Amino acid sequence: MGANYIIIDSVGHGRTRLSLRQRTDLGPPFHLVAWREQRPGGSNRRFYFEKGGVWRLDAGVALSLMVQAAAQDLLSARYDDPFLLWGGGKPDFLVSQELSPSRRAQVWDEITLSAGEADWGANPFFVVGTEPAGIWRKVMLVSTQRDLVTFRSCTTDPSRAYRKDMGKGLPWILDNTMMDCSVQIMRVPALAGSGQVA
């Protein structure tokens, strides 16, 4: 059975949209935000990693959409996920510029693929939000030049139907669907991105 969503509102640029949704098929309904991209024929991109590589977009467009979403109150704290699926709690965050070189390198290995990545440059910026149970990470990667960005989900749950091995022999795998995440997790990249994306 697939996920059931009610779309509350969205902002868009071209074929890319950032939407606020309510998920209704996993017990008590909760809110989340989702990145989606429409194909030229009108259908939505289904998989995060496809033949052309990972999904990514212009960083300026992403920042503009996050700013618009915040201005339209789509990232309001009243939509925060209480994470009842995990027994409650709050997400933890890692910001690349706040990590030691060794910890930064470790996290980078855990959130990137061994092959098929975009060119993120020598000093990319990233924010990782880890959900309370510790098995899901929501990731924003910004290229060194601050011109390219992606949003992805990583998990240690091997039962995911749509998954892609990172190719590094680590517990973390790529969830190969377009990213959904809690509102409070998206707020942190929105704030961090405003100072990092030109």
N, C-alpha and C. Protein backbone atom coordinates (compact mmCIF):
# COMPACT_ATOMS: atom_id res chain seq x y z
N MET A 1 0.85 -1.20 0.00
CA MET A 1 0.00 0.00 0.00
C MET A 1 0.88 1.24 0.00
N GLY A 2 0.58 2.20 -0.87
CA GLY A 2 1.37 3.41 -0.96
C GLY A 2 1.02 4.42 0.10
N ALA A 3 1.83 5.46 0.17
CA ALA A 3 1.59 6.52 1.14
C ALA A 3 0.39 7.36 0.71
N ASN A 4 -0.34 7.86 1.69
CA ASN A 4 -1.48 8.73 1.43
C ASN A 4 -1.18 10.13 1.95
N TYR A 5 -1.32 11.11 1.07
CA TYR A 5 -1.02 12.49 1.41
C TYR A 5 -2.19 13.41 1.08
N ILE A 6 -2.32 14.45 1.86
CA ILE A 6 -3.17 15.59 1.53
C ILE A 6 -2.24 16.78 1.33
N ILE A 7 -2.24 17.35 0.13
CA ILE A 7 -1.38 18.51 -0.14
C ILE A 7 -2.08 19.76 0.38
N ILE A 8 -1.41 20.47 1.27
CA ILE A 8 -1.99 21.65 1.90
C ILE A 8 -1.69 22.90 1.09
N ASP A 9 -0.43 23.04 0.68
CA ASP A 9 -0.03 24.21 -0.13
C ASP A 9 1.36 23.92 -0.69
N SER A 10 1.76 24.70 -1.67
CA SER A 10 3.08 24.49 -2.26
C SER A 10 3.58 25.76 -2.91
N VAL A 11 4.90 25.78 -3.15
CA VAL A 11 5.53 26.84 -3.92
C VAL A 11 6.30 26.17 -5.05
N GLY A 12 6.47 26.88 -6.15
CA GLY A 12 7.13 26.24 -7.28
C GLY A 12 7.92 27.19 -8.14
N HIS A 13 8.81 26.61 -8.92
CA HIS A 13 9.60 27.34 -9.91
C HIS A 13 9.83 26.38 -11.07
N GLY A 14 9.30 26.71 -12.24
CA GLY A 14 9.44 25.79 -13.36
C GLY A 14 8.77 24.46 -13.04
N ARG A 15 9.54 23.37 -13.15
CA ARG A 15 8.99 22.04 -12.88
C ARG A 15 9.26 21.56 -11.45
N THR A 16 9.86 22.40 -10.62
CA THR A 16 10.21 22.00 -9.25
C THR A 16 9.23 22.59 -8.25
N ARG A 17 8.77 21.77 -7.30
CA ARG A 17 7.85 22.24 -6.28
C ARG A 17 8.30 21.77 -4.90
N LEU A 18 8.04 22.62 -3.93
CA LEU A 18 8.22 22.30 -2.51
C LEU A 18 6.85 22.42 -1.87
N SER A 19 6.35 21.33 -1.33
CA SER A 19 4.97 21.35 -0.84
C SER A 19 4.88 20.93 0.62
N LEU A 20 3.88 21.48 1.29
CA LEU A 20 3.51 21.06 2.64
C LEU A 20 2.39 20.04 2.51
N ARG A 21 2.56 18.89 3.15
CA ARG A 21 1.60 17.80 3.05
C ARG A 21 1.25 17.27 4.43
N GLN A 22 0.14 16.58 4.47
CA GLN A 22 -0.23 15.82 5.66
C GLN A 22 -0.29 14.35 5.27
N ARG A 23 0.43 13.51 6.02
CA ARG A 23 0.40 12.08 5.74
C ARG A 23 -0.61 11.42 6.66
N THR A 24 -1.45 10.56 6.08
CA THR A 24 -2.60 10.05 6.83
C THR A 24 -2.64 8.53 6.97
N ASP A 25 -1.62 7.82 6.49
CA ASP A 25 -1.70 6.35 6.46
C ASP A 25 -0.84 5.67 7.52
N LEU A 26 -0.21 6.41 8.41
CA LEU A 26 0.69 5.81 9.40
C LEU A 26 0.26 6.14 10.82
N GLY A 27 -1.01 5.94 11.13
CA GLY A 27 -1.49 6.28 12.46
C GLY A 27 -1.95 7.72 12.50
N PRO A 28 -1.73 8.42 13.64
CA PRO A 28 -2.14 9.83 13.71
C PRO A 28 -1.51 10.63 12.58
N PRO A 29 -2.30 11.43 11.86
CA PRO A 29 -1.74 12.22 10.75
C PRO A 29 -0.64 13.16 11.23
N PHE A 30 0.34 13.40 10.38
CA PHE A 30 1.41 14.34 10.69
C PHE A 30 1.80 15.08 9.41
N HIS A 31 2.44 16.23 9.59
CA HIS A 31 2.82 17.06 8.47
C HIS A 31 4.27 16.81 8.04
N LEU A 32 4.53 17.07 6.79
CA LEU A 32 5.88 16.99 6.25
C LEU A 32 5.97 17.91 5.04
N VAL A 33 7.18 18.14 4.58
CA VAL A 33 7.40 18.88 3.34
C VAL A 33 8.09 17.96 2.34
N ALA A 34 7.84 18.20 1.07
CA ALA A 34 8.33 17.29 0.04
C ALA A 34 8.85 18.07 -1.16
N TRP A 35 9.99 17.61 -1.68
CA TRP A 35 10.52 18.11 -2.95
C TRP A 35 10.02 17.21 -4.07
N ARG A 36 9.50 17.81 -5.13
CA ARG A 36 9.04 17.06 -6.28
C ARG A 36 9.46 17.77 -7.57
N GLU A 37 9.69 16.98 -8.59
CA GLU A 37 10.04 17.54 -9.90
C GLU A 37 9.17 16.90 -10.97
N GLN A 38 8.57 17.73 -11.79
CA GLN A 38 7.70 17.24 -12.85
C GLN A 38 8.50 17.04 -14.12
N ARG A 39 8.26 15.94 -14.78
CA ARG A 39 8.92 15.68 -16.06
C ARG A 39 8.26 16.51 -17.16
N PRO A 40 8.95 16.69 -18.28
CA PRO A 40 8.36 17.47 -19.39
C PRO A 40 6.99 16.94 -19.83
N GLY A 41 6.76 15.62 -19.71
CA GLY A 41 5.47 15.05 -20.10
C GLY A 41 4.37 15.25 -19.09
N GLY A 42 4.71 15.74 -17.88
CA GLY A 42 3.70 16.02 -16.87
C GLY A 42 3.72 15.10 -15.67
N SER A 43 4.37 13.93 -15.77
CA SER A 43 4.42 13.02 -14.62
C SER A 43 5.53 13.46 -13.66
N ASN A 44 5.41 13.04 -12.40
CA ASN A 44 6.42 13.37 -11.41
C ASN A 44 7.60 12.41 -11.49
N ARG A 45 8.80 12.93 -11.26
CA ARG A 45 9.97 12.07 -11.14
C ARG A 45 9.73 11.13 -9.96
N ARG A 46 9.96 9.84 -10.16
CA ARG A 46 9.68 8.87 -9.12
C ARG A 46 10.89 8.58 -8.25
N PHE A 47 12.04 8.42 -8.90
CA PHE A 47 13.23 7.98 -8.17
C PHE A 47 14.25 9.11 -8.02
N TYR A 48 14.91 9.14 -6.87
CA TYR A 48 15.93 10.14 -6.61
C TYR A 48 17.14 9.91 -7.52
N PHE A 49 17.61 8.66 -7.60
CA PHE A 49 18.75 8.33 -8.45
C PHE A 49 18.23 7.63 -9.70
N GLU A 50 18.51 8.21 -10.86
CA GLU A 50 18.11 7.63 -12.13
C GLU A 50 19.33 7.57 -13.05
N LYS A 51 19.09 7.21 -14.29
CA LYS A 51 20.19 7.02 -15.23
C LYS A 51 21.10 8.25 -15.33
N GLY A 52 20.52 9.43 -15.23
CA GLY A 52 21.29 10.66 -15.31
C GLY A 52 22.00 11.04 -14.03
N GLY A 53 21.90 10.19 -13.00
CA GLY A 53 22.56 10.48 -11.73
C GLY A 53 21.57 10.91 -10.67
N VAL A 54 22.07 11.58 -9.64
CA VAL A 54 21.22 12.00 -8.53
C VAL A 54 20.41 13.23 -8.93
N TRP A 55 19.25 13.38 -8.28
CA TRP A 55 18.45 14.58 -8.50
C TRP A 55 19.15 15.78 -7.85
N ARG A 56 19.22 16.87 -8.58
CA ARG A 56 19.79 18.10 -8.04
C ARG A 56 19.15 19.28 -8.77
N LEU A 57 19.32 20.45 -8.21
CA LEU A 57 18.76 21.64 -8.81
C LEU A 57 19.62 22.85 -8.51
N ASP A 58 19.33 23.93 -9.21
CA ASP A 58 20.05 25.18 -8.99
C ASP A 58 19.86 25.63 -7.56
N ALA A 59 20.96 25.96 -6.90
CA ALA A 59 20.89 26.32 -5.48
C ALA A 59 20.09 27.59 -5.25
N GLY A 60 20.19 28.52 -6.18
CA GLY A 60 19.43 29.75 -6.04
C GLY A 60 17.93 29.51 -6.11
N VAL A 61 17.52 28.59 -6.97
CA VAL A 61 16.10 28.22 -7.07
C VAL A 61 15.63 27.57 -5.77
N ALA A 62 16.43 26.65 -5.24
CA ALA A 62 16.07 25.98 -3.99
C ALA A 62 15.92 26.98 -2.85
N LEU A 63 16.88 27.90 -2.74
CA LEU A 63 16.81 28.90 -1.68
C LEU A 63 15.56 29.77 -1.83
N SER A 64 15.28 30.17 -3.07
CA SER A 64 14.09 30.99 -3.32
C SER A 64 12.82 30.27 -2.90
N LEU A 65 12.74 28.97 -3.20
CA LEU A 65 11.55 28.20 -2.82
C LEU A 65 11.44 28.05 -1.31
N MET A 66 12.57 27.84 -0.62
CA MET A 66 12.52 27.73 0.83
C MET A 66 12.12 29.05 1.47
N VAL A 67 12.61 30.16 0.92
CA VAL A 67 12.24 31.48 1.44
C VAL A 67 10.74 31.73 1.21
N GLN A 68 10.26 31.38 0.00
CA GLN A 68 8.83 31.54 -0.28
C GLN A 68 7.99 30.68 0.65
N ALA A 69 8.43 29.43 0.86
CA ALA A 69 7.68 28.53 1.75
C ALA A 69 7.60 29.10 3.15
N ALA A 70 8.70 29.65 3.65
CA ALA A 70 8.70 30.25 4.98
C ALA A 70 7.79 31.48 5.02
N ALA A 71 7.83 32.30 3.96
CA ALA A 71 7.00 33.51 3.91
C ALA A 71 5.51 33.16 3.87
N GLN A 72 5.18 32.03 3.27
CA GLN A 72 3.78 31.59 3.20
C GLN A 72 3.38 30.72 4.39
N ASP A 73 4.25 30.67 5.38
CA ASP A 73 3.97 29.96 6.64
C ASP A 73 3.93 28.45 6.49
N LEU A 74 4.54 27.92 5.41
CA LEU A 74 4.54 26.47 5.22
C LEU A 74 5.54 25.77 6.13
N LEU A 75 6.48 26.54 6.69
CA LEU A 75 7.48 25.96 7.58
C LEU A 75 7.23 26.35 9.04
N SER A 76 6.02 26.72 9.33
CA SER A 76 5.66 27.15 10.68
C SER A 76 5.80 26.01 11.69
N ALA A 77 6.15 26.36 12.91
CA ALA A 77 6.31 25.36 13.97
C ALA A 77 5.00 24.64 14.28
N ARG A 78 3.88 25.22 13.92
CA ARG A 78 2.61 24.53 14.20
C ARG A 78 2.45 23.26 13.35
N TYR A 79 3.29 23.12 12.32
CA TYR A 79 3.25 21.91 11.49
C TYR A 79 4.34 20.91 11.88
N ASP A 80 5.06 21.18 12.94
CA ASP A 80 6.15 20.28 13.33
C ASP A 80 5.64 18.87 13.62
N ASP A 81 6.44 17.90 13.24
CA ASP A 81 6.11 16.49 13.46
C ASP A 81 6.46 16.11 14.90
N PRO A 82 5.52 15.58 15.68
CA PRO A 82 5.85 15.13 17.05
C PRO A 82 6.58 13.79 17.07
N PHE A 83 6.76 13.18 15.91
CA PHE A 83 7.47 11.89 15.77
C PHE A 83 6.87 10.82 16.66
N LEU A 84 5.55 10.73 16.64
CA LEU A 84 4.88 9.71 17.44
C LEU A 84 5.21 8.31 16.96
N LEU A 85 5.57 8.18 15.67
CA LEU A 85 5.97 6.87 15.16
C LEU A 85 7.19 6.33 15.90
N TRP A 86 8.02 7.23 16.40
CA TRP A 86 9.25 6.84 17.11
C TRP A 86 9.13 7.05 18.61
N GLY A 87 7.91 7.27 19.10
CA GLY A 87 7.73 7.48 20.53
C GLY A 87 7.99 8.90 20.97
N GLY A 88 8.00 9.84 20.03
CA GLY A 88 8.25 11.24 20.35
C GLY A 88 9.73 11.60 20.23
N GLY A 89 10.03 12.85 20.50
CA GLY A 89 11.41 13.32 20.43
C GLY A 89 11.60 14.41 19.41
N LYS A 90 12.84 14.85 19.29
CA LYS A 90 13.20 15.91 18.36
C LYS A 90 14.40 15.46 17.51
N PRO A 91 14.52 16.01 16.30
CA PRO A 91 15.66 15.63 15.46
C PRO A 91 16.95 16.27 15.96
N ASP A 92 18.06 15.60 15.63
CA ASP A 92 19.39 16.15 15.88
C ASP A 92 19.98 16.62 14.55
N PHE A 93 20.89 17.59 14.63
CA PHE A 93 21.43 18.17 13.40
C PHE A 93 22.95 18.18 13.40
N LEU A 94 23.50 17.97 12.23
CA LEU A 94 24.93 18.11 11.98
C LEU A 94 25.09 19.13 10.86
N VAL A 95 25.92 20.13 11.08
CA VAL A 95 26.21 21.15 10.07
C VAL A 95 27.70 21.05 9.75
N SER A 96 28.03 20.90 8.49
CA SER A 96 29.40 20.57 8.09
C SER A 96 30.43 21.53 8.67
N GLN A 97 30.14 22.80 8.70
CA GLN A 97 31.12 23.78 9.16
C GLN A 97 31.35 23.73 10.67
N GLU A 98 30.49 23.00 11.38
CA GLU A 98 30.65 22.90 12.83
C GLU A 98 31.35 21.61 13.24
N LEU A 99 31.73 20.78 12.27
CA LEU A 99 32.31 19.47 12.58
C LEU A 99 33.83 19.52 12.48
N SER A 100 34.49 18.65 13.24
CA SER A 100 35.93 18.49 13.10
C SER A 100 36.22 17.88 11.73
N PRO A 101 37.42 18.04 11.20
CA PRO A 101 37.73 17.46 9.88
C PRO A 101 37.48 15.95 9.82
N SER A 102 37.81 15.22 10.88
CA SER A 102 37.62 13.78 10.85
C SER A 102 36.14 13.41 10.90
N ARG A 103 35.37 14.11 11.73
CA ARG A 103 33.93 13.84 11.81
C ARG A 103 33.24 14.25 10.51
N ARG A 104 33.65 15.34 9.95
CA ARG A 104 33.09 15.79 8.67
C ARG A 104 33.32 14.73 7.60
N ALA A 105 34.53 14.20 7.52
CA ALA A 105 34.85 13.18 6.52
C ALA A 105 34.02 11.92 6.74
N GLN A 106 33.83 11.54 8.00
CA GLN A 106 33.04 10.36 8.32
C GLN A 106 31.59 10.53 7.87
N VAL A 107 30.98 11.67 8.21
CA VAL A 107 29.59 11.92 7.83
C VAL A 107 29.46 12.00 6.31
N TRP A 108 30.42 12.64 5.66
CA TRP A 108 30.38 12.74 4.19
C TRP A 108 30.35 11.35 3.56
N ASP A 109 31.14 10.44 4.08
CA ASP A 109 31.14 9.06 3.56
C ASP A 109 29.77 8.41 3.75
N GLU A 110 29.09 8.75 4.83
CA GLU A 110 27.82 8.11 5.16
C GLU A 110 26.64 8.66 4.37
N ILE A 111 26.80 9.83 3.74
CA ILE A 111 25.66 10.46 3.06
C ILE A 111 25.86 10.58 1.56
N THR A 112 26.97 10.06 1.02
CA THR A 112 27.25 10.18 -0.41
C THR A 112 27.51 8.81 -1.03
N LEU A 113 27.31 8.74 -2.33
CA LEU A 113 27.51 7.52 -3.09
C LEU A 113 28.96 7.40 -3.56
N SER A 114 29.41 6.16 -3.72
CA SER A 114 30.77 5.95 -4.22
C SER A 114 30.86 6.24 -5.72
N ALA A 115 29.72 6.20 -6.42
CA ALA A 115 29.69 6.47 -7.86
C ALA A 115 28.34 7.08 -8.22
N GLY A 116 28.35 7.97 -9.20
CA GLY A 116 27.11 8.57 -9.66
C GLY A 116 26.73 9.88 -9.00
N GLU A 117 27.62 10.40 -8.15
CA GLU A 117 27.36 11.69 -7.52
C GLU A 117 27.56 12.84 -8.52
N ALA A 118 26.91 13.95 -8.23
CA ALA A 118 27.21 15.19 -8.93
C ALA A 118 28.58 15.69 -8.45
N ASP A 119 29.12 16.69 -9.11
CA ASP A 119 30.39 17.28 -8.71
C ASP A 119 30.13 18.32 -7.63
N TRP A 120 30.37 17.92 -6.38
CA TRP A 120 30.12 18.83 -5.27
C TRP A 120 31.33 19.70 -4.94
N GLY A 121 32.46 19.47 -5.59
CA GLY A 121 33.64 20.28 -5.35
C GLY A 121 34.42 19.83 -4.13
N ALA A 122 35.44 20.60 -3.80
CA ALA A 122 36.38 20.22 -2.75
C ALA A 122 35.89 20.56 -1.34
N ASN A 123 34.96 21.50 -1.22
CA ASN A 123 34.54 21.94 0.12
C ASN A 123 33.02 22.15 0.16
N PRO A 124 32.24 21.11 -0.07
CA PRO A 124 30.78 21.27 -0.07
C PRO A 124 30.24 21.54 1.34
N PHE A 125 29.10 22.17 1.37
CA PHE A 125 28.39 22.47 2.61
C PHE A 125 27.25 21.46 2.75
N PHE A 126 27.03 20.93 3.96
CA PHE A 126 25.90 20.03 4.14
C PHE A 126 25.29 20.18 5.52
N VAL A 127 23.99 19.86 5.57
CA VAL A 127 23.23 19.81 6.81
C VAL A 127 22.55 18.46 6.87
N VAL A 128 22.67 17.76 8.00
CA VAL A 128 22.06 16.44 8.17
C VAL A 128 21.13 16.51 9.38
N GLY A 129 19.86 16.20 9.15
CA GLY A 129 18.89 16.10 10.24
C GLY A 129 18.58 14.63 10.50
N THR A 130 18.80 14.16 11.71
CA THR A 130 18.55 12.76 12.07
C THR A 130 17.29 12.68 12.91
N GLU A 131 16.34 11.85 12.46
CA GLU A 131 15.08 11.69 13.19
C GLU A 131 15.32 10.95 14.51
N PRO A 132 14.38 11.09 15.48
CA PRO A 132 14.60 10.57 16.83
C PRO A 132 15.04 9.12 16.93
N ALA A 133 14.52 8.22 16.09
CA ALA A 133 14.90 6.81 16.21
C ALA A 133 16.32 6.54 15.74
N GLY A 134 16.91 7.49 15.03
CA GLY A 134 18.30 7.35 14.61
C GLY A 134 18.51 6.55 13.33
N ILE A 135 17.42 6.11 12.67
CA ILE A 135 17.59 5.29 11.47
C ILE A 135 17.30 6.06 10.18
N TRP A 136 16.89 7.32 10.31
CA TRP A 136 16.63 8.15 9.14
C TRP A 136 17.40 9.46 9.23
N ARG A 137 18.04 9.80 8.12
CA ARG A 137 18.71 11.09 7.98
C ARG A 137 18.13 11.82 6.78
N LYS A 138 17.90 13.10 6.94
CA LYS A 138 17.47 13.97 5.85
C LYS A 138 18.61 14.95 5.58
N VAL A 139 19.04 15.02 4.33
CA VAL A 139 20.31 15.65 4.01
C VAL A 139 20.15 16.74 2.95
N MET A 140 20.80 17.87 3.17
CA MET A 140 20.98 18.89 2.15
C MET A 140 22.47 18.99 1.83
N LEU A 141 22.82 18.88 0.55
CA LEU A 141 24.20 19.06 0.09
C LEU A 141 24.26 20.26 -0.83
N VAL A 142 25.23 21.13 -0.61
CA VAL A 142 25.42 22.30 -1.46
C VAL A 142 26.85 22.28 -1.99
N SER A 143 27.01 22.50 -3.28
CA SER A 143 28.34 22.42 -3.89
C SER A 143 29.26 23.53 -3.37
N THR A 144 30.56 23.31 -3.55
CA THR A 144 31.57 24.28 -3.12
C THR A 144 31.29 25.64 -3.73
N GLN A 145 30.90 25.67 -4.99
CA GLN A 145 30.63 26.94 -5.68
C GLN A 145 29.29 27.54 -5.28
N ARG A 146 28.52 26.81 -4.43
CA ARG A 146 27.20 27.26 -3.96
C ARG A 146 26.22 27.45 -5.11
N ASP A 147 26.37 26.66 -6.18
CA ASP A 147 25.47 26.80 -7.32
C ASP A 147 24.60 25.58 -7.56
N LEU A 148 24.82 24.51 -6.81
CA LEU A 148 24.11 23.26 -7.01
C LEU A 148 23.72 22.69 -5.65
N VAL A 149 22.51 22.13 -5.55
CA VAL A 149 22.04 21.60 -4.27
C VAL A 149 21.21 20.34 -4.51
N THR A 150 21.18 19.48 -3.51
CA THR A 150 20.28 18.33 -3.53
C THR A 150 19.75 18.09 -2.13
N PHE A 151 18.62 17.39 -2.08
CA PHE A 151 18.00 16.99 -0.82
C PHE A 151 17.71 15.51 -0.93
N ARG A 152 18.18 14.72 0.03
CA ARG A 152 18.05 13.27 -0.04
C ARG A 152 17.78 12.67 1.34
N SER A 153 17.31 11.42 1.32
CA SER A 153 17.10 10.67 2.54
C SER A 153 18.05 9.48 2.58
N CYS A 154 18.63 9.23 3.76
CA CYS A 154 19.48 8.06 3.98
C CYS A 154 18.92 7.30 5.18
N THR A 155 19.09 6.00 5.17
CA THR A 155 18.53 5.18 6.24
C THR A 155 19.41 3.96 6.50
N THR A 156 19.25 3.40 7.69
CA THR A 156 19.88 2.12 8.00
C THR A 156 18.86 0.99 7.95
N ASP A 157 17.65 1.29 7.46
CA ASP A 157 16.58 0.29 7.38
C ASP A 157 16.72 -0.51 6.08
N PRO A 158 17.17 -1.76 6.13
CA PRO A 158 17.39 -2.53 4.91
C PRO A 158 16.11 -3.03 4.26
N SER A 159 14.95 -2.80 4.91
CA SER A 159 13.69 -3.30 4.36
C SER A 159 13.06 -2.33 3.38
N ARG A 160 13.66 -1.17 3.18
CA ARG A 160 13.11 -0.20 2.25
C ARG A 160 12.97 -0.80 0.85
N ALA A 161 11.79 -0.62 0.25
CA ALA A 161 11.55 -1.20 -1.07
C ALA A 161 12.41 -0.51 -2.13
N TYR A 162 12.52 0.81 -2.04
CA TYR A 162 13.30 1.57 -3.02
C TYR A 162 14.55 2.08 -2.33
N ARG A 163 15.63 1.40 -2.56
CA ARG A 163 16.89 1.75 -1.90
C ARG A 163 18.05 1.57 -2.87
N LYS A 164 19.12 2.25 -2.57
CA LYS A 164 20.33 2.12 -3.37
C LYS A 164 21.52 2.04 -2.44
N ASP A 165 22.33 1.02 -2.62
CA ASP A 165 23.53 0.87 -1.80
C ASP A 165 24.49 2.02 -2.08
N MET A 166 25.12 2.53 -1.03
CA MET A 166 26.07 3.63 -1.20
C MET A 166 27.38 3.17 -1.81
N GLY A 167 27.61 1.87 -1.79
CA GLY A 167 28.83 1.33 -2.40
C GLY A 167 30.06 1.46 -1.54
N LYS A 168 29.87 1.64 -0.23
CA LYS A 168 31.02 1.84 0.65
C LYS A 168 31.08 0.82 1.79
N GLY A 169 30.14 -0.11 1.81
CA GLY A 169 30.14 -1.12 2.86
C GLY A 169 29.74 -0.60 4.22
N LEU A 170 29.01 0.52 4.26
CA LEU A 170 28.57 1.12 5.52
C LEU A 170 27.10 0.81 5.77
N PRO A 171 26.63 0.96 7.01
CA PRO A 171 25.22 0.65 7.30
C PRO A 171 24.23 1.56 6.57
N TRP A 172 24.64 2.79 6.24
CA TRP A 172 23.73 3.74 5.63
C TRP A 172 23.52 3.44 4.15
N ILE A 173 22.23 3.49 3.74
CA ILE A 173 21.87 3.31 2.34
C ILE A 173 21.04 4.52 1.90
N LEU A 174 20.97 4.71 0.59
CA LEU A 174 20.19 5.81 0.03
C LEU A 174 18.75 5.37 -0.16
N ASP A 175 17.81 6.14 0.36
CA ASP A 175 16.41 5.91 0.05
C ASP A 175 16.15 6.52 -1.32
N ASN A 176 15.81 5.68 -2.30
CA ASN A 176 15.77 6.15 -3.69
C ASN A 176 14.41 6.69 -4.10
N THR A 177 13.78 7.44 -3.20
CA THR A 177 12.58 8.19 -3.55
C THR A 177 12.88 9.67 -3.33
N MET A 178 12.06 10.52 -3.94
CA MET A 178 12.24 11.96 -3.73
C MET A 178 11.96 12.28 -2.26
N MET A 179 12.70 13.23 -1.71
CA MET A 179 12.73 13.41 -0.27
C MET A 179 11.46 14.04 0.30
N ASP A 180 10.95 13.41 1.36
CA ASP A 180 9.98 14.00 2.28
C ASP A 180 10.71 14.18 3.61
N CYS A 181 10.38 15.22 4.35
CA CYS A 181 10.96 15.36 5.69
C CYS A 181 10.05 16.21 6.56
N SER A 182 10.30 16.16 7.86
CA SER A 182 9.50 16.96 8.78
C SER A 182 9.75 18.44 8.54
N VAL A 183 8.77 19.24 8.93
CA VAL A 183 8.88 20.69 8.76
C VAL A 183 10.07 21.23 9.55
N GLN A 184 10.26 20.74 10.78
CA GLN A 184 11.35 21.29 11.59
C GLN A 184 12.72 20.91 11.03
N ILE A 185 12.81 19.79 10.34
CA ILE A 185 14.09 19.46 9.71
C ILE A 185 14.34 20.38 8.52
N MET A 186 13.31 20.68 7.73
CA MET A 186 13.50 21.57 6.58
C MET A 186 13.80 22.99 7.01
N ARG A 187 13.33 23.41 8.16
CA ARG A 187 13.60 24.78 8.60
C ARG A 187 15.09 25.02 8.79
N VAL A 188 15.83 24.03 9.26
CA VAL A 188 17.26 24.23 9.50
C VAL A 188 18.03 24.45 8.21
N PRO A 189 17.85 23.60 7.16
CA PRO A 189 18.49 23.93 5.88
C PRO A 189 18.04 25.26 5.32
N ALA A 190 16.77 25.61 5.52
CA ALA A 190 16.30 26.90 5.01
C ALA A 190 17.06 28.05 5.65
N LEU A 191 17.28 27.96 6.96
CA LEU A 191 18.03 29.01 7.65
C LEU A 191 19.53 28.95 7.31
N ALA A 192 20.09 27.74 7.30
CA ALA A 192 21.51 27.60 6.98
C ALA A 192 21.78 27.99 5.53
N GLY A 193 20.88 27.56 4.63
CA GLY A 193 21.06 27.86 3.22
C GLY A 193 21.03 29.34 2.92
N SER A 194 20.27 30.09 3.71
CA SER A 194 20.18 31.52 3.45
C SER A 194 21.51 32.21 3.62
N GLY A 195 22.41 31.61 4.41
CA GLY A 195 23.74 32.19 4.57
C GLY A 195 24.79 31.53 3.73
N GLN A 196 24.44 30.42 3.04
CA GLN A 196 25.44 29.66 2.31
C GLN A 196 25.24 29.66 0.80
N VAL A 197 24.03 29.92 0.36
CA VAL A 197 23.72 29.84 -1.06
C VAL A 197 23.62 31.23 -1.64
N ALA A 198 24.42 31.50 -2.62
CA ALA A 198 24.40 32.82 -3.25
C ALA A 198 23.22 32.94 -4.20
